[in-house]
Amino acid sequence: MEKSYSAITSIGYSLPKNTYNQKDLAIWMNSKLNQEDDRFLRKLKVLYQKTLIEKRHSVLADFNDETDGILFKKGSKVKVENRLKIYNQEAPKLSNKAIEECLKNASV
């Protein structure tokens, strides 16, 4: 009986359009939490730095001051359902792009 082997011949990926610098996110989060305490910001920066993540990607356009996102919309509570609704709309699109990229580069 002949042995058969499997091999990964291609990988595809797709990233959401919103990209955020981890250092900027710490400052942004501090401002949204209305923290006046410099110690809190220092702790937040250390926490964000310890992840060793430089950039984050998101389907949510919440993490800048130019949009009125769903995380910190004034006068409303954050609802996970709202976030998941957006994710459920965007995740299949990202998946399809990643699959297309993978198949485009696949060798048979």
PDB file of N, CA and C in Angstrom:
ATOM      1  N   MET A   1       0.838  -1.180   0.000  1.00  0.00           N
ATOM      2  CA  MET A   1       0.000   0.000   0.000  1.00  0.00           C
ATOM      3  C   MET A   1       0.890   1.253   0.000  1.00  0.00           C
ATOM      4  N   GLU A   2       0.645   2.107  -0.924  1.00  0.00           N
ATOM      5  CA  GLU A   2       1.439   3.327  -1.057  1.00  0.00           C
ATOM      6  C   GLU A   2       0.959   4.391  -0.064  1.00  0.00           C
ATOM      7  N   LYS A   3       1.923   5.039   0.588  1.00  0.00           N
ATOM      8  CA  LYS A   3       1.577   6.098   1.537  1.00  0.00           C
ATOM      9  C   LYS A   3       1.291   7.381   0.767  1.00  0.00           C
ATOM     10  N   SER A   4       0.327   8.101   1.245  1.00  0.00           N
ATOM     11  CA  SER A   4       0.049   9.412   0.659  1.00  0.00           C
ATOM     12  C   SER A   4       0.312  10.482   1.727  1.00  0.00           C
ATOM     13  N   TYR A   5       0.712  11.629   1.265  1.00  0.00           N
ATOM     14  CA  TYR A   5       1.047  12.717   2.161  1.00  0.00           C
ATOM     15  C   TYR A   5       0.224  13.952   1.803  1.00  0.00           C
ATOM     16  N   SER A   6      -0.073  14.684   2.824  1.00  0.00           N
ATOM     17  CA  SER A   6      -0.765  15.957   2.632  1.00  0.00           C
ATOM     18  C   SER A   6       0.246  17.084   2.800  1.00  0.00           C
ATOM     19  N   ALA A   7       0.010  18.151   2.084  1.00  0.00           N
ATOM     20  CA  ALA A   7       0.889  19.310   2.196  1.00  0.00           C
ATOM     21  C   ALA A   7       0.092  20.582   1.979  1.00  0.00           C
ATOM     22  N   ILE A   8       0.471  21.603   2.689  1.00  0.00           N
ATOM     23  CA  ILE A   8      -0.128  22.919   2.476  1.00  0.00           C
ATOM     24  C   ILE A   8       0.622  23.549   1.312  1.00  0.00           C
ATOM     25  N   THR A   9      -0.096  23.852   0.260  1.00  0.00           N
ATOM     26  CA  THR A   9       0.553  24.426  -0.924  1.00  0.00           C
ATOM     27  C   THR A   9       0.257  25.900  -1.106  1.00  0.00           C
ATOM     28  N   SER A  10      -0.693  26.418  -0.347  1.00  0.00           N
ATOM     29  CA  SER A  10      -1.038  27.820  -0.486  1.00  0.00           C
ATOM     30  C   SER A  10      -1.772  28.301   0.759  1.00  0.00           C
ATOM     31  N   ILE A  11      -1.588  29.554   1.048  1.00  0.00           N
ATOM     32  CA  ILE A  11      -2.304  30.189   2.156  1.00  0.00           C
ATOM     33  C   ILE A  11      -2.860  31.504   1.637  1.00  0.00           C
ATOM     34  N   GLY A  12      -4.079  31.799   1.992  1.00  0.00           N
ATOM     35  CA  GLY A  12      -4.685  33.064   1.626  1.00  0.00           C
ATOM     36  C   GLY A  12      -5.172  33.771   2.875  1.00  0.00           C
ATOM     37  N   TYR A  13      -5.181  35.076   2.824  1.00  0.00           N
ATOM     38  CA  TYR A  13      -5.693  35.830   3.968  1.00  0.00           C
ATOM     39  C   TYR A  13      -6.366  37.103   3.481  1.00  0.00           C
ATOM     40  N   SER A  14      -7.156  37.655   4.360  1.00  0.00           N
ATOM     41  CA  SER A  14      -7.841  38.907   4.077  1.00  0.00           C
ATOM     42  C   SER A  14      -7.992  39.647   5.397  1.00  0.00           C
ATOM     43  N   LEU A  15      -7.721  40.928   5.370  1.00  0.00           N
ATOM     44  CA  LEU A  15      -7.807  41.734   6.585  1.00  0.00           C
ATOM     45  C   LEU A  15      -8.931  42.753   6.467  1.00  0.00           C
ATOM     46  N   PRO A  16      -9.584  43.056   7.586  1.00  0.00           N
ATOM     47  CA  PRO A  16     -10.576  44.131   7.571  1.00  0.00           C
ATOM     48  C   PRO A  16      -9.923  45.448   7.186  1.00  0.00           C
ATOM     49  N   LYS A  17     -10.736  46.370   6.675  1.00  0.00           N
ATOM     50  CA  LYS A  17     -10.185  47.637   6.173  1.00  0.00           C
ATOM     51  C   LYS A  17      -9.696  48.572   7.271  1.00  0.00           C
ATOM     52  N   ASN A  18     -10.157  48.408   8.486  1.00  0.00           N
ATOM     53  CA  ASN A  18      -9.774  49.299   9.579  1.00  0.00           C
ATOM     54  C   ASN A  18      -8.543  48.757  10.292  1.00  0.00           C
ATOM     55  N   THR A  19      -7.468  49.550  10.278  1.00  0.00           N
ATOM     56  CA  THR A  19      -6.218  49.164  10.922  1.00  0.00           C
ATOM     57  C   THR A  19      -5.878  50.197  11.983  1.00  0.00           C
ATOM     58  N   TYR A  20      -5.477  49.702  13.143  1.00  0.00           N
ATOM     59  CA  TYR A  20      -5.191  50.586  14.267  1.00  0.00           C
ATOM     60  C   TYR A  20      -3.846  50.254  14.881  1.00  0.00           C
ATOM     61  N   ASN A  21      -3.077  51.274  15.204  1.00  0.00           N
ATOM     62  CA  ASN A  21      -1.812  51.121  15.902  1.00  0.00           C
ATOM     63  C   ASN A  21      -2.121  50.855  17.374  1.00  0.00           C
ATOM     64  N   GLN A  22      -1.493  49.852  17.945  1.00  0.00           N
ATOM     65  CA  GLN A  22      -1.760  49.452  19.325  1.00  0.00           C
ATOM     66  C   GLN A  22      -1.509  50.597  20.312  1.00  0.00           C
ATOM     67  N   LYS A  23      -0.447  51.382  20.093  1.00  0.00           N
ATOM     68  CA  LYS A  23      -0.155  52.505  20.992  1.00  0.00           C
ATOM     69  C   LYS A  23      -1.267  53.544  20.937  1.00  0.00           C
ATOM     70  N   ASP A  24      -1.767  53.811  19.738  1.00  0.00           N
ATOM     71  CA  ASP A  24      -2.856  54.778  19.589  1.00  0.00           C
ATOM     72  C   ASP A  24      -4.135  54.277  20.251  1.00  0.00           C
ATOM     73  N   LEU A  25      -4.355  52.969  20.201  1.00  0.00           N
ATOM     74  CA  LEU A  25      -5.556  52.406  20.828  1.00  0.00           C
ATOM     75  C   LEU A  25      -5.543  52.602  22.341  1.00  0.00           C
ATOM     76  N   ALA A  26      -4.387  52.503  22.952  1.00  0.00           N
ATOM     77  CA  ALA A  26      -4.293  52.719  24.401  1.00  0.00           C
ATOM     78  C   ALA A  26      -4.693  54.150  24.747  1.00  0.00           C
ATOM     79  N   ILE A  27      -4.202  55.102  23.995  1.00  0.00           N
ATOM     80  CA  ILE A  27      -4.537  56.510  24.227  1.00  0.00           C
ATOM     81  C   ILE A  27      -6.018  56.757  23.959  1.00  0.00           C
ATOM     82  N   TRP A  28      -6.515  56.177  22.876  1.00  0.00           N
ATOM     83  CA  TRP A  28      -7.934  56.325  22.525  1.00  0.00           C
ATOM     84  C   TRP A  28      -8.822  55.742  23.616  1.00  0.00           C
ATOM     85  N   MET A  29      -8.477  54.527  24.077  1.00  0.00           N
ATOM     86  CA  MET A  29      -9.279  53.876  25.113  1.00  0.00           C
ATOM     87  C   MET A  29      -9.272  54.702  26.389  1.00  0.00           C
ATOM     88  N   ASN A  30      -8.141  55.254  26.735  1.00  0.00           N
ATOM     89  CA  ASN A  30      -8.047  56.107  27.914  1.00  0.00           C
ATOM     90  C   ASN A  30      -8.988  57.307  27.790  1.00  0.00           C
ATOM     91  N   SER A  31      -9.016  57.926  26.611  1.00  0.00           N
ATOM     92  CA  SER A  31      -9.883  59.096  26.424  1.00  0.00           C
ATOM     93  C   SER A  31     -11.359  58.720  26.499  1.00  0.00           C
ATOM     94  N   LYS A  32     -11.720  57.533  25.984  1.00  0.00           N
ATOM     95  CA  LYS A  32     -13.124  57.118  26.009  1.00  0.00           C
ATOM     96  C   LYS A  32     -13.579  56.719  27.407  1.00  0.00           C
ATOM     97  N   LEU A  33     -12.644  56.290  28.226  1.00  0.00           N
ATOM     98  CA  LEU A  33     -12.980  55.938  29.601  1.00  0.00           C
ATOM     99  C   LEU A  33     -12.932  57.150  30.522  1.00  0.00           C
ATOM    100  N   ASN A  34     -12.666  58.325  29.920  1.00  0.00           N
ATOM    101  CA  ASN A  34     -12.642  59.590  30.650  1.00  0.00           C
ATOM    102  C   ASN A  34     -11.711  59.533  31.862  1.00  0.00           C
ATOM    103  N   GLN A  35     -10.538  59.022  31.651  1.00  0.00           N
ATOM    104  CA  GLN A  35      -9.571  58.921  32.743  1.00  0.00           C
ATOM    105  C   GLN A  35      -8.698  60.163  32.786  1.00  0.00           C
ATOM    106  N   GLU A  36      -8.663  60.780  33.936  1.00  0.00           N
ATOM    107  CA  GLU A  36      -7.805  61.945  34.140  1.00  0.00           C
ATOM    108  C   GLU A  36      -6.497  61.537  34.814  1.00  0.00           C
ATOM    109  N   ASP A  37      -6.448  60.322  35.302  1.00  0.00           N
ATOM    110  CA  ASP A  37      -5.311  59.816  36.062  1.00  0.00           C
ATOM    111  C   ASP A  37      -4.201  59.352  35.116  1.00  0.00           C
ATOM    112  N   ASP A  38      -3.042  60.000  35.193  1.00  0.00           N
ATOM    113  CA  ASP A  38      -1.902  59.617  34.344  1.00  0.00           C
ATOM    114  C   ASP A  38      -1.438  58.191  34.624  1.00  0.00           C
ATOM    115  N   ARG A  39      -1.614  57.747  35.870  1.00  0.00           N
ATOM    116  CA  ARG A  39      -1.205  56.380  36.205  1.00  0.00           C
ATOM    117  C   ARG A  39      -2.020  55.366  35.420  1.00  0.00           C
ATOM    118  N   PHE A  40      -3.298  55.637  35.247  1.00  0.00           N
ATOM    119  CA  PHE A  40      -4.152  54.722  34.489  1.00  0.00           C
ATOM    120  C   PHE A  40      -3.652  54.603  33.044  1.00  0.00           C
ATOM    121  N   LEU A  41      -3.332  55.719  32.426  1.00  0.00           N
ATOM    122  CA  LEU A  41      -2.830  55.697  31.051  1.00  0.00           C
ATOM    123  C   LEU A  41      -1.510  54.934  30.967  1.00  0.00           C
ATOM    124  N   ARG A  42      -0.625  55.154  31.929  1.00  0.00           N
ATOM    125  CA  ARG A  42       0.650  54.418  31.922  1.00  0.00           C
ATOM    126  C   ARG A  42       0.402  52.916  32.033  1.00  0.00           C
ATOM    127  N   LYS A  43      -0.510  52.525  32.917  1.00  0.00           N
ATOM    128  CA  LYS A  43      -0.826  51.097  33.072  1.00  0.00           C
ATOM    129  C   LYS A  43      -1.452  50.543  31.794  1.00  0.00           C
ATOM    130  N   LEU A  44      -2.326  51.314  31.197  1.00  0.00           N
ATOM    131  CA  LEU A  44      -2.972  50.882  29.960  1.00  0.00           C
ATOM    132  C   LEU A  44      -1.949  50.698  28.838  1.00  0.00           C
ATOM    133  N   LYS A  45      -1.017  51.629  28.725  1.00  0.00           N
ATOM    134  CA  LYS A  45       0.031  51.524  27.709  1.00  0.00           C
ATOM    135  C   LYS A  45       0.893  50.280  27.931  1.00  0.00           C
ATOM    136  N   VAL A  46       1.239  50.024  29.193  1.00  0.00           N
ATOM    137  CA  VAL A  46       2.038  48.826  29.500  1.00  0.00           C
ATOM    138  C   VAL A  46       1.252  47.570  29.138  1.00  0.00           C
ATOM    139  N   LEU A  47      -0.009  47.540  29.502  1.00  0.00           N
ATOM    140  CA  LEU A  47      -0.856  46.389  29.179  1.00  0.00           C
ATOM    141  C   LEU A  47      -0.904  46.159  27.668  1.00  0.00           C
ATOM    142  N   TYR A  48      -1.133  47.206  26.912  1.00  0.00           N
ATOM    143  CA  TYR A  48      -1.205  47.089  25.461  1.00  0.00           C
ATOM    144  C   TYR A  48       0.151  46.706  24.865  1.00  0.00           C
ATOM    145  N   GLN A  49       1.225  47.192  25.467  1.00  0.00           N
ATOM    146  CA  GLN A  49       2.571  46.886  24.977  1.00  0.00           C
ATOM    147  C   GLN A  49       2.941  45.427  25.242  1.00  0.00           C
ATOM    148  N   LYS A  50       2.508  44.888  26.364  1.00  0.00           N
ATOM    149  CA  LYS A  50       2.848  43.512  26.746  1.00  0.00           C
ATOM    150  C   LYS A  50       2.265  42.475  25.787  1.00  0.00           C
ATOM    151  N   THR A  51       1.265  42.841  25.023  1.00  0.00           N
ATOM    152  CA  THR A  51       0.685  41.895  24.075  1.00  0.00           C
ATOM    153  C   THR A  51       1.625  41.611  22.908  1.00  0.00           C
ATOM    154  N   LEU A  52       2.605  42.506  22.700  1.00  0.00           N
ATOM    155  CA  LEU A  52       3.543  42.438  21.572  1.00  0.00           C
ATOM    156  C   LEU A  52       2.831  42.578  20.223  1.00  0.00           C
ATOM    157  N   ILE A  53       1.635  43.116  20.261  1.00  0.00           N
ATOM    158  CA  ILE A  53       0.876  43.378  19.042  1.00  0.00           C
ATOM    159  C   ILE A  53       1.136  44.822  18.636  1.00  0.00           C
ATOM    160  N   GLU A  54       1.505  45.041  17.394  1.00  0.00           N
ATOM    161  CA  GLU A  54       1.776  46.400  16.921  1.00  0.00           C
ATOM    162  C   GLU A  54       0.554  47.032  16.276  1.00  0.00           C
ATOM    163  N   LYS A  55      -0.183  46.233  15.500  1.00  0.00           N
ATOM    164  CA  LYS A  55      -1.374  46.739  14.814  1.00  0.00           C
ATOM    165  C   LYS A  55      -2.531  45.778  15.032  1.00  0.00           C
ATOM    166  N   ARG A  56      -3.708  46.330  15.025  1.00  0.00           N
ATOM    167  CA  ARG A  56      -4.926  45.530  15.109  1.00  0.00           C
ATOM    168  C   ARG A  56      -5.806  45.875  13.918  1.00  0.00           C
ATOM    169  N   HIS A  57      -6.582  44.903  13.509  1.00  0.00           N
ATOM    170  CA  HIS A  57      -7.504  45.084  12.393  1.00  0.00           C
ATOM    171  C   HIS A  57      -8.916  44.788  12.903  1.00  0.00           C
ATOM    172  N   SER A  58      -9.876  45.517  12.380  1.00  0.00           N
ATOM    173  CA  SER A  58     -11.252  45.329  12.843  1.00  0.00           C
ATOM    174  C   SER A  58     -12.237  45.671  11.737  1.00  0.00           C
ATOM    175  N   VAL A  59     -13.361  44.984  11.749  1.00  0.00           N
ATOM    176  CA  VAL A  59     -14.444  45.356  10.839  1.00  0.00           C
ATOM    177  C   VAL A  59     -15.196  46.561  11.396  1.00  0.00           C
ATOM    178  N   LEU A  60     -14.954  46.881  12.658  1.00  0.00           N
ATOM    179  CA  LEU A  60     -15.601  48.027  13.288  1.00  0.00           C
ATOM    180  C   LEU A  60     -14.747  49.276  13.095  1.00  0.00           C
ATOM    181  N   ALA A  61     -15.395  50.343  12.720  1.00  0.00           N
ATOM    182  CA  ALA A  61     -14.697  51.621  12.537  1.00  0.00           C
ATOM    183  C   ALA A  61     -14.822  52.466  13.798  1.00  0.00           C
ATOM    184  N   ASP A  62     -14.776  51.820  14.928  1.00  0.00           N
ATOM    185  CA  ASP A  62     -15.017  52.486  16.206  1.00  0.00           C
ATOM    186  C   ASP A  62     -13.811  53.174  16.811  1.00  0.00           C
ATOM    187  N   PHE A  63     -12.649  52.746  16.460  1.00  0.00           N
ATOM    188  CA  PHE A  63     -11.483  53.116  17.224  1.00  0.00           C
ATOM    189  C   PHE A  63     -10.759  54.350  16.707  1.00  0.00           C
ATOM    190  N   ASN A  64     -11.522  55.353  16.358  1.00  0.00           N
ATOM    191  CA  ASN A  64     -10.952  56.663  16.046  1.00  0.00           C
ATOM    192  C   ASN A  64     -12.001  57.714  16.385  1.00  0.00           C
ATOM    193  N   ASP A  65     -11.607  58.922  16.453  1.00  0.00           N
ATOM    194  CA  ASP A  65     -12.521  59.987  16.865  1.00  0.00           C
ATOM    195  C   ASP A  65     -13.341  60.543  15.713  1.00  0.00           C
ATOM    196  N   GLU A  66     -13.141  60.009  14.531  1.00  0.00           N
ATOM    197  CA  GLU A  66     -13.824  60.543  13.360  1.00  0.00           C
ATOM    198  C   GLU A  66     -15.136  59.845  13.072  1.00  0.00           C
ATOM    199  N   THR A  67     -15.376  58.732  13.748  1.00  0.00           N
ATOM    200  CA  THR A  67     -16.619  57.999  13.514  1.00  0.00           C
ATOM    201  C   THR A  67     -17.422  57.944  14.804  1.00  0.00           C
ATOM    202  N   ASP A  68     -18.685  57.772  14.667  1.00  0.00           N
ATOM    203  CA  ASP A  68     -19.561  57.579  15.825  1.00  0.00           C
ATOM    204  C   ASP A  68     -19.864  56.087  15.875  1.00  0.00           C
ATOM    205  N   GLY A  69     -18.900  55.321  16.356  1.00  0.00           N
ATOM    206  CA  GLY A  69     -19.025  53.870  16.351  1.00  0.00           C
ATOM    207  C   GLY A  69     -20.024  53.358  17.362  1.00  0.00           C
ATOM    208  N   ILE A  70     -20.158  52.048  17.389  1.00  0.00           N
ATOM    209  CA  ILE A  70     -21.148  51.448  18.277  1.00  0.00           C
ATOM    210  C   ILE A  70     -20.609  51.159  19.671  1.00  0.00           C
ATOM    211  N   LEU A  71     -19.307  51.212  19.859  1.00  0.00           N
ATOM    212  CA  LEU A  71     -18.768  50.911  21.183  1.00  0.00           C
ATOM    213  C   LEU A  71     -19.050  52.007  22.191  1.00  0.00           C
ATOM    214  N   PHE A  72     -18.860  53.237  21.800  1.00  0.00           N
ATOM    215  CA  PHE A  72     -18.983  54.348  22.730  1.00  0.00           C
ATOM    216  C   PHE A  72     -19.952  55.399  22.223  1.00  0.00           C
ATOM    217  N   LYS A  73     -21.047  54.961  21.627  1.00  0.00           N
ATOM    218  CA  LYS A  73     -22.051  55.892  21.131  1.00  0.00           C
ATOM    219  C   LYS A  73     -22.662  56.617  22.330  1.00  0.00           C
ATOM    220  N   LYS A  74     -22.692  57.922  22.241  1.00  0.00           N
ATOM    221  CA  LYS A  74     -23.190  58.724  23.363  1.00  0.00           C
ATOM    222  C   LYS A  74     -24.654  58.402  23.653  1.00  0.00           C
ATOM    223  N   GLY A  75     -24.932  58.193  24.940  1.00  0.00           N
ATOM    224  CA  GLY A  75     -26.304  57.988  25.370  1.00  0.00           C
ATOM    225  C   GLY A  75     -26.846  56.585  25.154  1.00  0.00           C
ATOM    226  N   SER A  76     -25.996  55.632  24.794  1.00  0.00           N
ATOM    227  CA  SER A  76     -26.514  54.274  24.605  1.00  0.00           C
ATOM    228  C   SER A  76     -25.570  53.268  25.239  1.00  0.00           C
ATOM    229  N   LYS A  77     -26.139  52.124  25.565  1.00  0.00           N
ATOM    230  CA  LYS A  77     -25.338  51.045  26.125  1.00  0.00           C
ATOM    231  C   LYS A  77     -24.764  50.220  24.987  1.00  0.00           C
ATOM    232  N   VAL A  78     -23.588  49.685  25.224  1.00  0.00           N
ATOM    233  CA  VAL A  78     -22.952  48.823  24.234  1.00  0.00           C
ATOM    234  C   VAL A  78     -23.732  47.510  24.182  1.00  0.00           C
ATOM    235  N   LYS A  79     -24.097  47.133  22.987  1.00  0.00           N
ATOM    236  CA  LYS A  79     -24.804  45.867  22.817  1.00  0.00           C
ATOM    237  C   LYS A  79     -23.958  44.946  21.957  1.00  0.00           C
ATOM    238  N   VAL A  80     -23.672  43.786  22.495  1.00  0.00           N
ATOM    239  CA  VAL A  80     -22.883  42.808  21.756  1.00  0.00           C
ATOM    240  C   VAL A  80     -23.588  42.438  20.454  1.00  0.00           C
ATOM    241  N   GLU A  81     -24.906  42.415  20.487  1.00  0.00           N
ATOM    242  CA  GLU A  81     -25.667  42.058  19.289  1.00  0.00           C
ATOM    243  C   GLU A  81     -25.353  42.995  18.122  1.00  0.00           C
ATOM    244  N   ASN A  82     -25.158  44.278  18.424  1.00  0.00           N
ATOM    245  CA  ASN A  82     -24.833  45.250  17.370  1.00  0.00           C
ATOM    246  C   ASN A  82     -23.475  44.963  16.753  1.00  0.00           C
ATOM    247  N   ARG A  83     -22.523  44.639  17.607  1.00  0.00           N
ATOM    248  CA  ARG A  83     -21.188  44.304  17.104  1.00  0.00           C
ATOM    249  C   ARG A  83     -21.227  43.024  16.289  1.00  0.00           C
ATOM    250  N   LEU A  84     -21.929  42.018  16.789  1.00  0.00           N
ATOM    251  CA  LEU A  84     -21.999  40.731  16.095  1.00  0.00           C
ATOM    252  C   LEU A  84     -22.729  40.844  14.756  1.00  0.00           C
ATOM    253  N   LYS A  85     -23.696  41.723  14.681  1.00  0.00           N
ATOM    254  CA  LYS A  85     -24.411  41.920  13.419  1.00  0.00           C
ATOM    255  C   LYS A  85     -23.439  42.386  12.326  1.00  0.00           C
ATOM    256  N   ILE A  86     -22.593  43.343  12.671  1.00  0.00           N
ATOM    257  CA  ILE A  86     -21.598  43.839  11.718  1.00  0.00           C
ATOM    258  C   ILE A  86     -20.599  42.734  11.392  1.00  0.00           C
ATOM    259  N   TYR A  87     -20.134  42.042  12.419  1.00  0.00           N
ATOM    260  CA  TYR A  87     -19.189  40.958  12.199  1.00  0.00           C
ATOM    261  C   TYR A  87     -19.794  39.887  11.281  1.00  0.00           C
ATOM    262  N   ASN A  88     -21.025  39.517  11.538  1.00  0.00           N
ATOM    263  CA  ASN A  88     -21.679  38.483  10.724  1.00  0.00           C
ATOM    264  C   ASN A  88     -21.870  38.910   9.269  1.00  0.00           C
ATOM    265  N   GLN A  89     -21.947  40.209   9.019  1.00  0.00           N
ATOM    266  CA  GLN A  89     -22.032  40.705   7.642  1.00  0.00           C
ATOM    267  C   GLN A  89     -20.664  40.701   6.967  1.00  0.00           C
ATOM    268  N   GLU A  90     -19.631  41.033   7.725  1.00  0.00           N
ATOM    269  CA  GLU A  90     -18.298  41.210   7.153  1.00  0.00           C
ATOM    270  C   GLU A  90     -17.459  39.930   7.116  1.00  0.00           C
ATOM    271  N   ALA A  91     -17.639  39.033   8.060  1.00  0.00           N
ATOM    272  CA  ALA A  91     -16.812  37.822   8.131  1.00  0.00           C
ATOM    273  C   ALA A  91     -16.899  36.960   6.872  1.00  0.00           C
ATOM    274  N   PRO A  92     -18.084  36.710   6.322  1.00  0.00           N
ATOM    275  CA  PRO A  92     -18.130  35.909   5.085  1.00  0.00           C
ATOM    276  C   PRO A  92     -17.391  36.576   3.914  1.00  0.00           C
ATOM    277  N   LYS A  93     -17.460  37.889   3.835  1.00  0.00           N
ATOM    278  CA  LYS A  93     -16.744  38.605   2.765  1.00  0.00           C
ATOM    279  C   LYS A  93     -15.235  38.405   2.913  1.00  0.00           C
ATOM    280  N   LEU A  94     -14.740  38.548   4.139  1.00  0.00           N
ATOM    281  CA  LEU A  94     -13.312  38.354   4.385  1.00  0.00           C
ATOM    282  C   LEU A  94     -12.906  36.911   4.122  1.00  0.00           C
ATOM    283  N   SER A  95     -13.751  35.986   4.517  1.00  0.00           N
ATOM    284  CA  SER A  95     -13.471  34.562   4.272  1.00  0.00           C
ATOM    285  C   SER A  95     -13.381  34.270   2.788  1.00  0.00           C
ATOM    286  N   ASN A  96     -14.322  34.793   2.024  1.00  0.00           N
ATOM    287  CA  ASN A  96     -14.311  34.563   0.572  1.00  0.00           C
ATOM    288  C   ASN A  96     -13.050  35.136  -0.071  1.00  0.00           C
ATOM    289  N   LYS A  97     -12.642  36.325   0.357  1.00  0.00           N
ATOM    290  CA  LYS A  97     -11.409  36.918  -0.184  1.00  0.00           C
ATOM    291  C   LYS A  97     -10.201  36.044   0.136  1.00  0.00           C
ATOM    292  N   ALA A  98     -10.146  35.521   1.347  1.00  0.00           N
ATOM    293  CA  ALA A  98      -9.023  34.667   1.749  1.00  0.00           C
ATOM    294  C   ALA A  98      -9.021  33.367   0.945  1.00  0.00           C
ATOM    295  N   ILE A  99     -10.182  32.803   0.722  1.00  0.00           N
ATOM    296  CA  ILE A  99     -10.282  31.575  -0.067  1.00  0.00           C
ATOM    297  C   ILE A  99      -9.854  31.828  -1.507  1.00  0.00           C
ATOM    298  N   GLU A 100     -10.322  32.926  -2.080  1.00  0.00           N
ATOM    299  CA  GLU A 100      -9.929  33.267  -3.453  1.00  0.00           C
ATOM    300  C   GLU A 100      -8.423  33.456  -3.558  1.00  0.00           C
ATOM    301  N   GLU A 101      -7.834  34.131  -2.588  1.00  0.00           N
ATOM    302  CA  GLU A 101      -6.384  34.348  -2.559  1.00  0.00           C
ATOM    303  C   GLU A 101      -5.639  33.020  -2.462  1.00  0.00           C
ATOM    304  N   CYS A 102      -6.143  32.143  -1.631  1.00  0.00           N
ATOM    305  CA  CYS A 102      -5.520  30.837  -1.458  1.00  0.00           C
ATOM    306  C   CYS A 102      -5.574  30.027  -2.746  1.00  0.00           C
ATOM    307  N   LEU A 103      -6.741  29.976  -3.344  1.00  0.00           N
ATOM    308  CA  LEU A 103      -6.903  29.176  -4.565  1.00  0.00           C
ATOM    309  C   LEU A 103      -6.119  29.770  -5.748  1.00  0.00           C
ATOM    310  N   LYS A 104      -6.002  31.081  -5.779  1.00  0.00           N
ATOM    311  CA  LYS A 104      -5.259  31.746  -6.847  1.00  0.00           C
ATOM    312  C   LYS A 104      -3.785  31.344  -6.809  1.00  0.00           C
ATOM    313  N   ASN A 105      -3.268  31.155  -5.612  1.00  0.00           N
ATOM    314  CA  ASN A 105      -1.848  30.838  -5.436  1.00  0.00           C
ATOM    315  C   ASN A 105      -1.560  29.348  -5.257  1.00  0.00           C
ATOM    316  N   ALA A 106      -2.600  28.529  -5.286  1.00  0.00           N
ATOM    317  CA  ALA A 106      -2.423  27.100  -5.020  1.00  0.00           C
ATOM    318  C   ALA A 106      -1.721  26.406  -6.190  1.00  0.00           C
ATOM    319  N   SER A 107      -0.869  25.490  -5.816  1.00  0.00           N
ATOM    320  CA  SER A 107      -0.243  24.630  -6.840  1.00  0.00           C
ATOM    321  C   SER A 107      -0.752  23.212  -6.610  1.00  0.00           C
ATOM    322  N   VAL A 108      -1.095  22.586  -7.679  1.00  0.00           N
ATOM    323  CA  VAL A 108      -1.662  21.235  -7.565  1.00  0.00           C
ATOM    324  C   VAL A 108      -0.658  20.197  -8.008  1.00  0.00           C
TER     325      VAL A 108
END
